[in-house]
N, C-alpha and C. Protein backbone atom coordinates (compact mmCIF):
# COMPACT_ATOMS: atom_id res chain seq x y z
N MET A 1 0.85 -1.17 -0.14
CA MET A 1 0.04 -0.09 -0.04
C MET A 1 0.77 1.38 0.06
N PHE A 2 2.13 1.28 0.71
CA PHE A 2 2.99 2.36 0.72
C PHE A 2 3.21 2.69 -0.68
N PHE A 3 3.66 1.55 -1.43
CA PHE A 3 4.09 1.94 -2.84
C PHE A 3 3.22 2.65 -3.69
N LYS A 4 2.01 2.01 -3.63
CA LYS A 4 0.72 2.66 -4.25
C LYS A 4 0.64 4.15 -3.95
N ASN A 5 0.67 4.30 -2.54
CA ASN A 5 0.40 5.75 -2.04
C ASN A 5 1.60 6.76 -2.60
N THR A 6 2.68 6.20 -2.72
CA THR A 6 3.89 7.01 -3.13
C THR A 6 3.54 7.28 -4.70
N LEU A 7 3.05 6.27 -5.43
CA LEU A 7 2.73 6.66 -6.75
C LEU A 7 1.59 7.45 -7.13
N ARG A 8 0.57 7.50 -6.29
CA ARG A 8 -0.55 8.19 -6.15
C ARG A 8 0.00 9.72 -6.02
N ARG A 9 0.82 9.84 -4.96
CA ARG A 9 1.44 11.32 -4.73
C ARG A 9 2.13 12.07 -6.00
N ARG A 10 2.92 11.21 -6.62
CA ARG A 10 3.73 11.56 -7.83
C ARG A 10 2.86 11.98 -8.84
N ASN A 11 1.74 11.21 -9.16
CA ASN A 11 0.62 11.55 -10.05
C ASN A 11 0.01 12.80 -9.71
N LEU A 12 -0.35 13.36 -8.52
CA LEU A 12 -0.72 14.45 -8.16
C LEU A 12 0.17 15.63 -8.15
N LYS A 13 1.28 15.41 -7.85
CA LYS A 13 2.46 16.51 -8.22
C LYS A 13 2.39 16.71 -9.61
N ARG A 14 2.41 15.95 -10.41
CA ARG A 14 2.53 16.21 -11.92
C ARG A 14 1.45 16.98 -12.30
N LEU A 15 0.35 16.90 -11.66
CA LEU A 15 -0.87 17.50 -12.25
C LEU A 15 -1.02 19.00 -11.90
N GLN A 16 0.01 19.49 -11.35
CA GLN A 16 -0.04 20.75 -10.97
C GLN A 16 -0.10 21.82 -12.17
N SER A 17 -1.13 22.11 -12.59
CA SER A 17 -1.35 22.96 -13.91
C SER A 17 -1.23 24.41 -13.49
N ILE A 18 -0.99 25.28 -14.56
CA ILE A 18 -1.00 26.62 -14.43
C ILE A 18 -2.44 27.10 -15.00
N ARG A 19 -3.26 27.60 -14.21
CA ARG A 19 -4.55 27.94 -14.55
C ARG A 19 -4.93 29.51 -13.95
N GLU A 20 -5.40 30.25 -14.63
CA GLU A 20 -5.80 31.73 -14.19
C GLU A 20 -7.03 31.46 -13.22
N VAL A 21 -6.92 31.61 -12.04
CA VAL A 21 -7.96 31.73 -10.89
C VAL A 21 -8.67 32.84 -11.14
N LYS A 22 -10.11 32.67 -11.29
CA LYS A 22 -10.83 33.90 -11.20
C LYS A 22 -11.94 33.51 -10.27
N PHE A 23 -12.16 34.33 -9.29
CA PHE A 23 -13.34 34.18 -8.39
C PHE A 23 -14.67 34.22 -9.37
N MET A 24 -15.64 33.46 -9.39
CA MET A 24 -16.82 33.30 -10.08
C MET A 24 -17.95 33.42 -9.11
N PRO A 25 -18.48 34.68 -8.87
CA PRO A 25 -19.84 34.53 -8.35
C PRO A 25 -20.82 33.90 -8.96
N LEU A 26 -21.70 33.32 -8.18
CA LEU A 26 -22.57 32.48 -8.93
C LEU A 26 -23.48 33.37 -9.87
N PRO A 27 -24.07 34.45 -9.84
CA PRO A 27 -24.70 35.03 -11.02
C PRO A 27 -24.03 35.19 -12.12
N LYS A 28 -22.68 35.14 -12.29
CA LYS A 28 -21.83 35.22 -13.47
C LYS A 28 -21.30 33.96 -13.97
N VAL A 29 -21.82 32.84 -13.27
CA VAL A 29 -21.33 31.55 -13.91
C VAL A 29 -22.05 31.07 -15.15
N LYS A 30 -21.06 30.65 -16.11
CA LYS A 30 -21.75 30.32 -17.30
C LYS A 30 -21.92 28.59 -17.49
N ASN A 31 -21.06 28.09 -16.40
CA ASN A 31 -21.27 26.50 -16.57
C ASN A 31 -20.58 26.12 -15.13
N ILE A 32 -21.29 24.98 -14.68
CA ILE A 32 -20.84 24.13 -13.24
C ILE A 32 -20.33 22.85 -13.50
N SER A 33 -19.46 22.34 -12.92
CA SER A 33 -19.01 20.99 -12.91
C SER A 33 -18.91 20.53 -11.42
N PHE A 34 -19.16 19.38 -11.22
CA PHE A 34 -19.35 18.75 -9.97
C PHE A 34 -18.78 17.31 -9.74
N ILE A 35 -18.40 16.92 -8.58
CA ILE A 35 -18.18 15.64 -8.45
C ILE A 35 -18.80 15.22 -6.76
N PHE A 36 -19.14 13.81 -6.78
CA PHE A 36 -19.58 13.49 -5.51
C PHE A 36 -19.40 11.86 -5.49
N ASP A 37 -19.45 11.36 -4.24
CA ASP A 37 -19.46 10.00 -3.86
C ASP A 37 -20.81 9.47 -3.84
N PHE A 38 -21.48 8.75 -4.53
CA PHE A 38 -22.91 8.40 -4.46
C PHE A 38 -23.29 7.74 -3.04
N GLU A 39 -22.12 6.97 -2.55
CA GLU A 39 -22.29 6.13 -1.35
C GLU A 39 -22.57 7.07 0.11
N GLU A 40 -22.24 8.21 -0.16
CA GLU A 40 -22.28 9.33 1.15
C GLU A 40 -23.84 9.52 1.35
N GLU A 41 -24.29 9.25 2.49
CA GLU A 41 -25.67 9.67 2.71
C GLU A 41 -26.14 10.83 2.36
N GLU A 42 -27.26 10.94 1.97
CA GLU A 42 -28.18 12.31 1.52
C GLU A 42 -27.84 12.96 0.49
N VAL A 43 -26.56 12.31 -0.26
CA VAL A 43 -25.70 13.25 -1.37
C VAL A 43 -26.78 13.26 -2.42
N LEU A 44 -27.54 12.62 -2.93
CA LEU A 44 -28.39 12.70 -3.86
C LEU A 44 -29.53 13.83 -3.76
N GLU A 45 -29.63 14.11 -2.68
CA GLU A 45 -30.72 15.35 -2.20
C GLU A 45 -29.68 16.79 -2.38
N ALA A 46 -28.48 16.74 -2.11
CA ALA A 46 -27.58 17.72 -2.38
C ALA A 46 -27.36 17.99 -3.94
N VAL A 47 -27.32 16.81 -4.72
CA VAL A 47 -27.07 17.12 -6.07
C VAL A 47 -28.32 17.33 -6.63
N LYS A 48 -29.55 17.08 -6.11
CA LYS A 48 -30.83 17.64 -6.60
C LYS A 48 -31.04 19.14 -6.37
N ILE A 49 -30.57 19.60 -5.37
CA ILE A 49 -30.47 21.06 -4.94
C ILE A 49 -29.52 22.01 -5.87
N LEU A 50 -28.45 21.40 -6.22
CA LEU A 50 -27.46 21.95 -6.98
C LEU A 50 -28.05 22.00 -8.49
N THR A 51 -28.42 20.80 -9.14
CA THR A 51 -28.79 20.92 -10.59
C THR A 51 -30.22 21.62 -10.37
N THR A 52 -31.02 21.72 -9.62
CA THR A 52 -32.39 22.21 -9.67
C THR A 52 -31.94 24.15 -9.58
N TYR A 53 -31.07 24.35 -8.90
CA TYR A 53 -30.74 25.81 -9.04
C TYR A 53 -29.95 25.96 -10.40
N ALA A 54 -29.07 25.16 -10.89
CA ALA A 54 -28.53 25.34 -12.06
C ALA A 54 -29.69 25.36 -13.34
N LEU A 55 -30.77 24.62 -13.23
CA LEU A 55 -31.72 24.39 -14.24
C LEU A 55 -32.56 25.78 -14.06
N ASN A 56 -32.96 26.15 -12.90
CA ASN A 56 -33.65 27.50 -12.67
C ASN A 56 -33.12 28.66 -13.27
N LYS A 57 -31.84 28.90 -13.25
CA LYS A 57 -30.85 29.84 -13.61
C LYS A 57 -30.56 29.53 -15.11
N LYS A 58 -30.67 28.55 -15.57
CA LYS A 58 -30.34 28.17 -16.95
C LYS A 58 -28.85 28.00 -17.19
N ILE A 59 -28.27 27.57 -16.21
CA ILE A 59 -26.75 27.22 -16.15
C ILE A 59 -26.57 25.78 -16.59
N PRO A 60 -25.68 25.42 -17.52
CA PRO A 60 -25.47 24.18 -18.07
C PRO A 60 -24.30 23.47 -16.88
N TYR A 61 -24.56 22.07 -16.62
CA TYR A 61 -23.97 21.57 -15.57
C TYR A 61 -23.48 20.21 -16.06
N SER A 62 -22.41 19.67 -15.46
CA SER A 62 -22.08 18.35 -15.73
C SER A 62 -21.58 17.69 -14.46
N GLY A 63 -21.63 16.46 -14.03
CA GLY A 63 -21.19 15.89 -12.91
C GLY A 63 -20.68 14.44 -13.12
N ILE A 64 -19.85 14.06 -12.14
CA ILE A 64 -19.45 12.70 -12.09
C ILE A 64 -19.55 12.18 -10.66
N SER A 65 -20.31 10.87 -10.80
CA SER A 65 -20.60 10.34 -9.56
C SER A 65 -19.57 9.10 -9.46
N VAL A 66 -18.95 8.83 -8.50
CA VAL A 66 -17.94 7.63 -8.51
C VAL A 66 -18.73 6.58 -7.51
N ASN A 67 -18.47 5.35 -8.09
CA ASN A 67 -18.98 4.19 -7.43
C ASN A 67 -17.64 3.21 -7.49
N LEU A 68 -17.02 3.31 -6.10
CA LEU A 68 -15.83 2.31 -6.14
C LEU A 68 -16.13 1.04 -5.24
N GLY A 69 -17.37 1.14 -4.87
CA GLY A 69 -17.84 -0.05 -3.73
C GLY A 69 -18.41 -1.14 -4.75
N LYS A 70 -19.06 -2.08 -3.82
CA LYS A 70 -19.67 -3.39 -4.46
C LYS A 70 -21.14 -3.05 -4.71
N SER A 71 -21.76 -2.11 -4.29
CA SER A 71 -23.04 -1.84 -4.43
C SER A 71 -23.31 -1.40 -5.80
N THR A 72 -24.74 -1.93 -6.23
CA THR A 72 -24.98 -1.59 -7.72
C THR A 72 -25.92 -0.27 -7.63
N PHE A 73 -25.71 0.62 -8.46
CA PHE A 73 -26.21 1.74 -8.57
C PHE A 73 -26.56 1.97 -10.13
N PRO A 74 -27.86 2.02 -10.35
CA PRO A 74 -28.15 2.05 -11.72
C PRO A 74 -27.89 3.38 -12.48
N GLN A 75 -27.32 3.44 -13.62
CA GLN A 75 -26.98 4.85 -14.27
C GLN A 75 -28.32 5.51 -14.67
N THR A 76 -29.65 4.75 -14.58
CA THR A 76 -30.64 5.47 -15.01
C THR A 76 -31.14 6.40 -13.65
N VAL A 77 -30.64 6.15 -12.71
CA VAL A 77 -31.05 7.19 -11.64
C VAL A 77 -30.38 8.71 -11.88
N MET A 78 -29.39 8.66 -12.74
CA MET A 78 -28.48 9.72 -13.10
C MET A 78 -29.25 10.47 -14.19
N ASN A 79 -29.07 11.64 -14.59
CA ASN A 79 -29.48 12.25 -15.80
C ASN A 79 -28.50 12.33 -16.69
N HIS A 80 -28.81 12.86 -18.06
CA HIS A 80 -27.94 12.92 -19.04
C HIS A 80 -26.70 13.67 -18.91
N ASN A 81 -26.73 14.61 -17.79
CA ASN A 81 -25.53 15.51 -17.39
C ASN A 81 -24.64 14.91 -16.18
N ILE A 82 -25.09 14.00 -15.85
CA ILE A 82 -24.37 13.35 -14.68
C ILE A 82 -23.93 11.85 -14.92
N ARG A 83 -22.62 11.75 -14.94
CA ARG A 83 -22.32 10.32 -15.51
C ARG A 83 -21.73 9.49 -13.97
N LEU A 84 -21.72 8.27 -14.02
CA LEU A 84 -21.38 7.30 -13.26
C LEU A 84 -19.93 6.69 -13.51
N LEU A 85 -18.87 6.81 -12.64
CA LEU A 85 -17.83 6.31 -12.96
C LEU A 85 -17.45 5.00 -12.01
N VAL A 86 -17.13 3.96 -12.64
CA VAL A 86 -17.12 2.40 -12.03
C VAL A 86 -15.73 2.03 -12.00
N LYS A 87 -15.56 1.01 -11.26
CA LYS A 87 -14.21 0.33 -11.04
C LYS A 87 -13.46 -0.02 -12.12
N ASN A 88 -14.16 -0.37 -13.30
CA ASN A 88 -13.60 -0.97 -14.40
C ASN A 88 -12.95 0.10 -15.35
N GLU A 89 -13.38 1.42 -14.81
CA GLU A 89 -12.77 2.66 -15.62
C GLU A 89 -11.69 3.38 -14.80
N LEU A 90 -11.19 2.63 -14.11
CA LEU A 90 -9.97 3.09 -13.07
C LEU A 90 -8.95 2.21 -13.38
N SER A 91 -7.55 2.76 -13.29
CA SER A 91 -6.33 2.09 -13.45
C SER A 91 -6.04 1.51 -12.05
N TYR A 92 -5.07 0.89 -12.11
CA TYR A 92 -4.36 -0.04 -10.94
C TYR A 92 -4.43 1.21 -9.64
N LEU A 93 -4.02 2.27 -9.87
CA LEU A 93 -3.87 3.07 -8.97
C LEU A 93 -5.07 4.01 -8.69
N LYS A 94 -6.09 3.43 -9.12
CA LYS A 94 -7.32 4.23 -8.98
C LYS A 94 -7.64 5.41 -9.74
N THR A 95 -6.88 5.76 -10.69
CA THR A 95 -6.79 6.99 -11.71
C THR A 95 -7.73 6.85 -12.67
N PRO A 96 -8.92 7.75 -12.69
CA PRO A 96 -9.90 7.37 -13.87
C PRO A 96 -9.13 7.81 -15.28
N LYS A 97 -9.91 6.83 -16.31
CA LYS A 97 -9.55 6.79 -17.68
C LYS A 97 -10.61 6.86 -18.39
N GLY A 98 -10.52 6.93 -19.78
CA GLY A 98 -11.54 6.78 -20.75
C GLY A 98 -11.97 8.27 -21.32
N ASP A 99 -12.70 8.06 -22.45
CA ASP A 99 -13.14 9.20 -22.99
C ASP A 99 -14.13 10.41 -22.22
N MET A 100 -14.97 9.71 -21.57
CA MET A 100 -15.89 10.24 -20.86
C MET A 100 -15.13 11.23 -19.56
N ILE A 101 -14.37 10.76 -19.21
CA ILE A 101 -13.33 11.34 -18.14
C ILE A 101 -12.56 12.54 -18.68
N GLU A 102 -11.91 12.10 -19.95
CA GLU A 102 -11.27 13.26 -20.57
C GLU A 102 -11.85 14.38 -21.02
N LYS A 103 -13.18 14.28 -21.45
CA LYS A 103 -14.09 15.41 -21.90
C LYS A 103 -14.41 16.15 -20.71
N PHE A 104 -14.64 15.55 -19.64
CA PHE A 104 -15.03 16.07 -18.33
C PHE A 104 -13.97 17.09 -17.83
N LEU A 105 -12.66 16.54 -17.98
CA LEU A 105 -11.72 17.26 -17.45
C LEU A 105 -11.01 18.39 -18.30
N THR A 106 -11.08 18.08 -19.60
CA THR A 106 -10.51 19.14 -20.50
C THR A 106 -11.59 20.24 -20.83
N ASP A 107 -12.88 19.98 -20.86
CA ASP A 107 -13.81 21.04 -21.22
C ASP A 107 -13.72 22.25 -20.29
N PRO A 108 -13.55 23.40 -20.60
CA PRO A 108 -13.59 24.56 -19.61
C PRO A 108 -14.59 24.77 -18.90
N THR A 109 -14.67 25.08 -17.62
CA THR A 109 -15.66 25.21 -16.66
C THR A 109 -15.54 26.57 -15.94
N ASP A 110 -16.43 27.21 -15.48
CA ASP A 110 -16.32 28.41 -14.59
C ASP A 110 -16.16 27.96 -13.40
N LEU A 111 -17.07 26.96 -12.83
CA LEU A 111 -17.12 26.65 -11.34
C LEU A 111 -17.07 25.12 -11.33
N PHE A 112 -16.36 24.74 -10.34
CA PHE A 112 -16.22 23.30 -10.13
C PHE A 112 -16.44 23.19 -8.38
N ILE A 113 -17.36 22.27 -8.20
CA ILE A 113 -17.70 21.88 -6.84
C ILE A 113 -17.37 20.52 -6.43
N ASP A 114 -16.58 20.40 -5.57
CA ASP A 114 -16.28 18.96 -5.00
C ASP A 114 -17.35 18.77 -3.71
N LEU A 115 -18.21 17.70 -3.89
CA LEU A 115 -19.16 17.53 -2.84
C LEU A 115 -18.54 16.41 -1.83
N THR A 116 -17.50 15.78 -2.17
CA THR A 116 -17.08 14.69 -1.27
C THR A 116 -16.65 15.20 0.15
N PRO A 117 -17.01 14.35 1.19
CA PRO A 117 -16.51 15.00 2.52
C PRO A 117 -15.10 15.00 3.18
N SER A 118 -14.31 13.88 2.48
CA SER A 118 -13.20 13.53 2.88
C SER A 118 -12.36 12.91 1.49
N TYR A 119 -11.01 12.66 2.11
CA TYR A 119 -9.89 12.42 0.83
C TYR A 119 -10.43 11.13 0.18
N ASN A 120 -10.48 11.10 -1.13
CA ASN A 120 -10.45 9.80 -1.84
C ASN A 120 -9.66 10.12 -3.15
N TYR A 121 -8.48 9.31 -3.31
CA TYR A 121 -7.72 9.68 -4.46
C TYR A 121 -8.26 9.82 -5.79
N THR A 122 -9.13 8.93 -6.08
CA THR A 122 -9.93 8.92 -7.50
C THR A 122 -10.62 10.45 -7.58
N LEU A 123 -11.36 10.93 -6.47
CA LEU A 123 -12.14 12.09 -6.38
C LEU A 123 -11.16 13.21 -6.52
N PHE A 124 -9.87 13.03 -5.60
CA PHE A 124 -9.03 14.32 -5.47
C PHE A 124 -8.26 14.31 -6.80
N TYR A 125 -7.96 13.29 -7.63
CA TYR A 125 -7.12 13.43 -8.89
C TYR A 125 -8.22 14.33 -9.87
N LEU A 126 -9.45 13.96 -9.87
CA LEU A 126 -10.46 14.61 -10.62
C LEU A 126 -10.51 16.31 -10.32
N ALA A 127 -10.29 16.34 -9.06
CA ALA A 127 -10.39 17.84 -8.60
C ALA A 127 -9.04 18.47 -8.96
N HIS A 128 -8.01 17.85 -8.92
CA HIS A 128 -6.82 18.53 -9.43
C HIS A 128 -6.83 18.53 -10.87
N SER A 129 -7.26 17.85 -11.62
CA SER A 129 -7.21 17.58 -13.35
C SER A 129 -8.18 18.70 -13.89
N ILE A 130 -9.40 18.69 -13.21
CA ILE A 130 -10.27 19.44 -14.04
C ILE A 130 -9.93 21.10 -14.39
N ASN A 131 -10.32 21.41 -15.65
CA ASN A 131 -10.04 22.67 -16.13
C ASN A 131 -11.03 23.52 -15.68
N ALA A 132 -11.00 24.27 -14.52
CA ALA A 132 -12.19 25.13 -14.13
C ALA A 132 -11.40 26.59 -13.53
N SER A 133 -12.13 27.82 -13.84
CA SER A 133 -11.67 28.74 -13.40
C SER A 133 -11.65 28.99 -11.76
N PHE A 134 -12.70 28.33 -11.14
CA PHE A 134 -12.58 28.57 -9.66
C PHE A 134 -13.30 27.22 -9.17
N LYS A 135 -12.43 26.64 -8.06
CA LYS A 135 -12.92 25.50 -7.47
C LYS A 135 -12.99 25.62 -6.06
N VAL A 136 -14.25 24.84 -5.65
CA VAL A 136 -14.63 25.03 -4.31
C VAL A 136 -14.61 23.30 -3.76
N GLY A 137 -14.18 23.33 -2.36
CA GLY A 137 -14.18 21.98 -2.08
C GLY A 137 -14.65 22.08 -0.58
N ARG A 138 -14.76 20.74 0.00
CA ARG A 138 -15.36 20.73 1.34
C ARG A 138 -14.34 20.51 2.44
N TYR A 139 -13.13 20.24 2.13
CA TYR A 139 -12.10 19.78 3.14
C TYR A 139 -10.69 20.13 2.87
N GLN A 140 -9.67 20.41 3.89
CA GLN A 140 -8.42 20.68 3.75
C GLN A 140 -7.58 19.54 3.75
N HIS A 141 -6.65 19.51 2.50
CA HIS A 141 -5.78 18.33 2.58
C HIS A 141 -4.69 18.82 1.87
N GLU A 142 -3.35 18.29 2.28
CA GLU A 142 -1.99 18.50 1.48
C GLU A 142 -2.43 18.65 0.07
N MET A 143 -1.75 19.57 -0.74
CA MET A 143 -1.78 19.85 -2.15
C MET A 143 -3.21 20.06 -2.50
N ASN A 144 -3.81 20.87 -1.77
CA ASN A 144 -5.36 21.40 -1.97
C ASN A 144 -5.44 22.06 -3.31
N PRO A 145 -6.45 21.42 -4.03
CA PRO A 145 -6.57 21.88 -5.34
C PRO A 145 -7.66 23.16 -5.49
N TYR A 146 -8.36 23.56 -4.32
CA TYR A 146 -9.33 24.39 -4.24
C TYR A 146 -9.13 25.92 -4.02
N ASP A 147 -9.78 26.78 -4.66
CA ASP A 147 -9.53 28.05 -4.39
C ASP A 147 -10.36 28.68 -3.09
N LEU A 148 -11.50 27.88 -2.76
CA LEU A 148 -12.37 28.31 -1.78
C LEU A 148 -12.59 26.84 -1.09
N VAL A 149 -12.55 26.78 0.21
CA VAL A 149 -12.85 25.73 1.13
C VAL A 149 -13.91 26.15 2.01
N ILE A 150 -15.17 25.38 2.06
CA ILE A 150 -16.17 25.86 2.87
C ILE A 150 -16.36 24.61 3.92
N SER A 151 -15.94 24.68 5.05
CA SER A 151 -16.19 23.52 6.23
C SER A 151 -17.51 23.79 6.77
N PRO A 152 -18.08 22.60 7.51
CA PRO A 152 -19.24 22.72 7.86
C PRO A 152 -19.28 23.61 9.22
N GLY A 153 -18.04 23.52 10.17
CA GLY A 153 -17.91 24.29 11.29
C GLY A 153 -19.03 23.58 12.43
N SER A 154 -19.81 24.43 12.80
CA SER A 154 -20.82 23.85 13.99
C SER A 154 -21.94 23.49 13.35
N ARG A 155 -22.25 23.77 12.06
CA ARG A 155 -23.29 23.39 11.42
C ARG A 155 -23.52 21.81 11.04
N SER A 156 -24.68 21.37 10.51
CA SER A 156 -24.76 19.98 10.07
C SER A 156 -23.68 19.65 9.01
N ASN A 157 -23.09 18.48 8.57
CA ASN A 157 -22.05 18.10 7.78
C ASN A 157 -23.00 17.41 6.69
N SER A 158 -24.27 17.64 6.45
CA SER A 158 -24.78 17.08 5.37
C SER A 158 -24.55 17.76 4.26
N PRO A 159 -24.42 16.88 3.07
CA PRO A 159 -24.22 17.38 1.80
C PRO A 159 -25.01 18.44 1.40
N ALA A 160 -26.41 18.15 1.68
CA ALA A 160 -27.49 19.25 1.27
C ALA A 160 -27.01 20.56 1.83
N GLU A 161 -26.78 20.54 3.06
CA GLU A 161 -26.37 21.87 3.80
C GLU A 161 -24.92 22.37 3.25
N TYR A 162 -24.02 21.48 2.88
CA TYR A 162 -22.95 21.89 2.12
C TYR A 162 -23.44 22.75 0.95
N VAL A 163 -24.15 22.19 0.19
CA VAL A 163 -24.53 22.84 -1.25
C VAL A 163 -25.26 24.38 -0.84
N ARG A 164 -26.05 24.17 0.02
CA ARG A 164 -26.90 25.42 0.35
C ARG A 164 -25.81 26.49 0.73
N GLN A 165 -24.64 26.12 1.71
CA GLN A 165 -23.73 27.08 2.06
C GLN A 165 -22.88 27.55 0.58
N VAL A 166 -22.68 26.71 -0.08
CA VAL A 166 -21.80 27.05 -1.42
C VAL A 166 -22.89 28.05 -2.29
N ILE A 167 -23.84 27.84 -2.22
CA ILE A 167 -24.76 28.60 -3.12
C ILE A 167 -24.98 30.18 -2.49
N HIS A 168 -25.06 30.03 -1.09
CA HIS A 168 -25.13 31.13 -0.35
C HIS A 168 -23.94 32.12 -0.31
N TYR A 169 -22.68 31.34 -0.04
CA TYR A 169 -21.49 32.29 -0.16
C TYR A 169 -21.17 32.78 -1.69
N LEU A 170 -21.63 31.75 -2.54
CA LEU A 170 -21.22 32.38 -3.96
C LEU A 170 -21.95 33.30 -4.70
N THR A 171 -23.45 33.69 -3.99
CA THR A 171 -24.23 34.51 -4.37
C THR A 171 -24.15 36.07 -3.67
N THR A 172 -23.69 35.93 -2.46
CA THR A 172 -23.58 37.18 -1.62
C THR A 172 -22.33 37.70 -1.70
N ILE A 173 -21.18 36.98 -2.20
CA ILE A 173 -19.81 37.62 -2.30
C ILE A 173 -19.68 38.02 -3.50
N LYS A 174 -19.18 39.37 -3.77
CA LYS A 174 -19.41 40.21 -4.97
C LYS A 174 -17.86 40.02 -5.61
N SER A 175 -17.73 40.06 -6.81
CA SER A 175 -16.34 40.29 -7.29
C SER A 175 -16.31 41.66 -7.99
N GLU A 176 -15.02 41.99 -8.49
CA GLU A 176 -14.72 43.32 -8.96
C GLU A 176 -15.36 43.48 -10.57
């Protein structure tokens, strides 16, 4: 496991890309990308809040859900803008591969939101790799790829509450 973790850290260090970070208040966002772990409790409620907001504001969105466990999760529950990443689409190190992932990572996006509550190499790799102007995350970790981290503090740590906080902060903070 130590060898695998060393290789993973090297992969992440190689991903340090030069990108122009621009704060994107939610009213100015033209598209949103997000990732989440479907095995987290109540995460589908959070995804529904985020996608409903995007649909109401006519903001295109795309998402990746990761299924690394043994449970079955039908793709039919997802809509056409949210894709499911399964084990056979991962390398030995659990690095995502395939055309779907390449498109998700290389298409420019204004806002990227990581809904995952804790470190997971596959999701962290996606967060590092995505071509986004502004990245929002839920937790602090070494080699942090986020421009803004919103931690739950004393409030509920539910994914739905986190999405509400992200929407609140990104709509109330003004940019130049």
